[in-house]
Amino acid sequence: MSENTMTETMTETMAENLETAEKKQVMNPSTPTLLEWMGGRDAIRHLLQVFYAKVEKDALLQPLFQHMPPDHHVHVAMWFEEVFGGEPLYTNDRGGFKNMIRKHRGRSIQAEQRDRWVSLMMQSADEIELPSDPEFRSAFTAYIEWGSRRAMANSQPGAKPSKRDTVPRWGWGEAPPGTL
């Protein structure tokens, strides 16, 4: 089994497990969403503005994003807002999960580019001072890693279509706020 096939199979299994966990997940109504914890819509939009300003200047990533519209960061902010527990803006206004997959098809994202994308995202999170508590950063980093690996897998030639139909809803995982 090739490394790409193995990665695709593992990633698909993780996606199926995530979807199952989302269906089972019942959060305490007093537990804030990740979006609320990070400061809401304004924080996520600011994060993506800072991040994409870095991408535009990055020699490794700029070629991947050179044809993106100037408001690309707004669209990605809509996606992140929905993923982190906000309103379904991306689903309602941009076509949801299947459209996001289409945006990555055929881009052939390489491991070095994915690594740089993650690094710049985490630098941007530090720069705008997103919460630094271990519980939030663990959940946030887990999504950034998972999402970027899904994007890379979906961008490869011959990538199998995702079985998923909905935008993932990312929560606190094993360490909600106040976990010691």
Protein backbone atom coordinates (compact mmCIF):
# COMPACT_ATOMS: atom_id res chain seq x y z
CA MET A 1 0.00 0.00 0.00
CA SER A 2 1.48 3.35 -1.00
CA GLU A 3 1.99 6.09 1.58
CA ASN A 4 -0.68 8.27 -0.11
CA THR A 5 -3.21 5.39 -0.12
CA MET A 6 -2.47 4.60 3.52
CA THR A 7 -2.80 8.29 4.46
CA GLU A 8 -6.09 8.55 2.54
CA THR A 9 -7.46 5.43 4.25
CA MET A 10 -6.43 6.62 7.71
CA THR A 11 -7.78 10.11 7.04
CA GLU A 12 -11.10 8.71 5.79
CA THR A 13 -11.40 6.53 8.90
CA MET A 14 -10.67 9.54 11.10
CA ALA A 15 -13.34 11.53 9.25
CA GLU A 16 -15.89 8.77 9.81
CA ASN A 17 -14.95 8.58 13.50
CA LEU A 18 -15.31 12.36 13.80
CA GLU A 19 -18.74 12.31 12.21
CA THR A 20 -19.84 9.55 14.61
CA ALA A 21 -18.44 11.46 17.60
CA GLU A 22 -20.23 14.64 16.49
CA LYS A 23 -23.54 12.79 16.44
CA LYS A 24 -22.93 11.45 19.97
CA GLN A 25 -21.47 14.64 21.42
CA VAL A 26 -23.70 16.37 23.93
CA MET A 27 -22.03 19.44 25.37
CA ASN A 28 -23.04 20.98 28.63
CA PRO A 29 -25.03 24.12 27.68
CA SER A 30 -22.77 26.16 29.97
CA THR A 31 -19.62 25.04 28.12
CA PRO A 32 -18.69 27.70 25.58
CA THR A 33 -17.96 26.73 22.00
CA LEU A 34 -14.41 27.06 20.78
CA LEU A 35 -15.57 30.08 18.78
CA GLU A 36 -16.95 31.77 21.89
CA TRP A 37 -13.80 30.94 23.85
CA MET A 38 -11.53 32.47 21.22
CA GLY A 39 -13.50 35.72 21.05
CA GLY A 40 -16.20 35.09 18.45
CA ARG A 41 -16.54 36.14 14.84
CA ASP A 42 -14.29 39.20 15.17
CA ALA A 43 -11.42 37.09 16.53
CA ILE A 44 -11.69 34.45 13.82
CA ARG A 45 -11.84 37.07 11.07
CA HIS A 46 -8.85 38.88 12.52
CA LEU A 47 -6.93 35.58 12.71
CA LEU A 48 -7.58 34.85 9.04
CA GLN A 49 -6.65 38.40 7.94
CA VAL A 50 -3.31 38.17 9.74
CA PHE A 51 -2.73 34.62 8.50
CA TYR A 52 -3.44 35.33 4.82
CA ALA A 53 -1.25 38.45 4.93
CA LYS A 54 1.59 36.06 5.85
CA VAL A 55 0.58 33.57 3.13
CA GLU A 56 0.74 36.28 0.45
CA LYS A 57 4.40 36.93 1.35
CA ASP A 58 5.43 33.29 1.76
CA ALA A 59 7.42 31.86 -1.15
CA LEU A 60 6.21 28.30 -0.52
CA LEU A 61 2.50 29.08 -0.08
CA GLN A 62 1.95 32.10 -2.30
CA PRO A 63 1.81 30.04 -5.51
CA LEU A 64 -1.05 27.94 -4.09
CA PHE A 65 -3.07 31.04 -3.22
CA GLN A 66 -2.09 33.48 -5.96
CA HIS A 67 -5.45 33.18 -7.76
CA MET A 68 -7.62 33.48 -4.68
CA PRO A 69 -10.03 36.41 -4.56
CA PRO A 70 -9.11 39.29 -2.23
CA ASP A 71 -11.89 38.27 0.17
CA HIS A 72 -10.68 34.65 0.44
CA HIS A 73 -9.90 35.15 4.13
CA VAL A 74 -13.57 36.06 4.73
CA HIS A 75 -14.72 32.78 3.18
CA VAL A 76 -12.27 30.76 5.27
CA ALA A 77 -13.37 32.69 8.37
CA MET A 78 -16.96 31.63 7.61
CA TRP A 79 -15.76 28.02 7.44
CA PHE A 80 -13.79 28.26 10.70
CA GLU A 81 -16.71 29.97 12.43
CA GLU A 82 -19.00 27.10 11.52
CA VAL A 83 -16.43 24.44 12.45
CA PHE A 84 -15.78 26.00 15.85
CA GLY A 85 -19.43 26.18 16.86
CA GLY A 86 -20.84 29.27 15.19
CA GLU A 87 -23.60 29.81 12.69
CA PRO A 88 -23.63 27.68 9.50
CA LEU A 89 -22.52 30.60 7.33
CA TYR A 90 -20.29 28.55 5.05
CA THR A 91 -22.96 25.93 4.53
CA ASN A 92 -25.69 28.47 3.86
CA ASP A 93 -23.71 30.97 1.78
CA ARG A 94 -20.80 29.05 0.22
CA GLY A 95 -22.09 25.53 -0.48
CA GLY A 96 -20.94 23.62 2.59
CA PHE A 97 -18.52 20.76 2.92
CA LYS A 98 -18.68 19.45 -0.64
CA ASN A 99 -17.82 22.91 -1.98
CA MET A 100 -14.82 23.16 0.35
CA ILE A 101 -13.61 19.79 -0.96
CA ARG A 102 -13.98 21.04 -4.55
CA LYS A 103 -11.84 24.08 -3.71
CA HIS A 104 -8.93 21.77 -2.84
CA ARG A 105 -9.25 19.25 -5.68
CA GLY A 106 -6.31 19.15 -8.05
CA ARG A 107 -4.09 21.52 -6.05
CA SER A 108 -1.59 18.78 -5.16
CA ILE A 109 -0.70 20.30 -1.80
CA GLN A 110 2.69 18.97 -0.69
CA ALA A 111 3.69 18.03 2.87
CA GLU A 112 6.07 21.00 3.12
CA GLN A 113 3.29 23.38 2.10
CA ARG A 114 0.88 21.87 4.63
CA ASP A 115 3.53 22.14 7.35
CA ARG A 116 4.15 25.80 6.49
CA TRP A 117 0.38 26.49 6.44
CA VAL A 118 0.05 25.02 9.95
CA SER A 119 3.11 26.91 11.18
CA LEU A 120 1.85 30.27 9.87
CA MET A 121 -1.60 29.60 11.33
CA MET A 122 -0.15 28.92 14.77
CA GLN A 123 2.13 31.99 14.50
CA SER A 124 -0.93 34.06 13.61
CA ALA A 125 -2.88 32.64 16.58
CA ASP A 126 -0.01 33.69 18.87
CA GLU A 127 0.32 37.08 17.21
CA ILE A 128 -3.33 38.03 17.70
CA GLU A 129 -3.25 36.49 21.17
CA LEU A 130 -5.87 33.79 20.83
CA PRO A 131 -6.31 32.09 24.19
CA SER A 132 -3.19 30.20 25.17
CA ASP A 133 -4.69 27.87 27.76
CA PRO A 134 -3.79 24.23 27.09
CA GLU A 135 -7.40 23.13 26.67
CA PHE A 136 -8.15 25.63 23.89
CA ARG A 137 -4.80 25.26 22.14
CA SER A 138 -5.13 21.48 22.18
CA ALA A 139 -8.55 21.60 20.51
CA PHE A 140 -7.57 24.39 18.09
CA THR A 141 -4.32 22.68 17.08
CA ALA A 142 -6.09 19.35 16.64
CA TYR A 143 -8.48 20.91 14.13
CA ILE A 144 -5.72 22.78 12.27
CA GLU A 145 -3.75 19.53 11.96
CA TRP A 146 -6.77 17.41 10.98
CA GLY A 147 -8.20 19.97 8.55
CA SER A 148 -4.90 20.63 6.83
CA ARG A 149 -4.23 16.91 6.43
CA ARG A 150 -7.72 16.44 4.95
CA ALA A 151 -7.11 19.34 2.55
CA MET A 152 -3.78 17.84 1.48
CA ALA A 153 -5.31 14.37 0.96
CA ASN A 154 -8.27 15.80 -0.98
CA SER A 155 -5.94 17.85 -3.19
CA GLN A 156 -4.05 14.89 -4.59
CA PRO A 157 -4.66 13.51 -8.09
CA GLY A 158 -7.13 10.65 -7.95
CA ALA A 159 -8.24 11.38 -4.38
CA LYS A 160 -11.34 9.43 -3.50
CA PRO A 161 -14.49 11.49 -2.91
CA SER A 162 -15.24 12.11 0.74
CA LYS A 163 -18.19 10.27 2.26
CA ARG A 164 -18.83 13.24 4.49
CA ASP A 165 -21.58 15.71 3.58
CA THR A 166 -21.50 18.17 6.45
CA VAL A 167 -19.04 20.71 7.81
CA PRO A 168 -17.29 19.19 10.83
CA ARG A 169 -18.23 20.68 14.19
CA TRP A 170 -15.11 20.76 16.34
CA GLY A 171 -15.41 20.74 20.11
CA TRP A 172 -13.23 20.52 23.15
CA GLY A 173 -12.41 16.83 22.78
CA GLU A 174 -11.05 15.27 25.92
CA ALA A 175 -10.16 18.50 27.73
CA PRO A 176 -13.01 21.01 28.12
CA PRO A 177 -12.33 24.28 29.98
CA GLY A 178 -11.37 23.76 33.59
CA THR A 179 -9.84 20.32 33.06
CA LEU A 180 -6.96 19.79 35.42
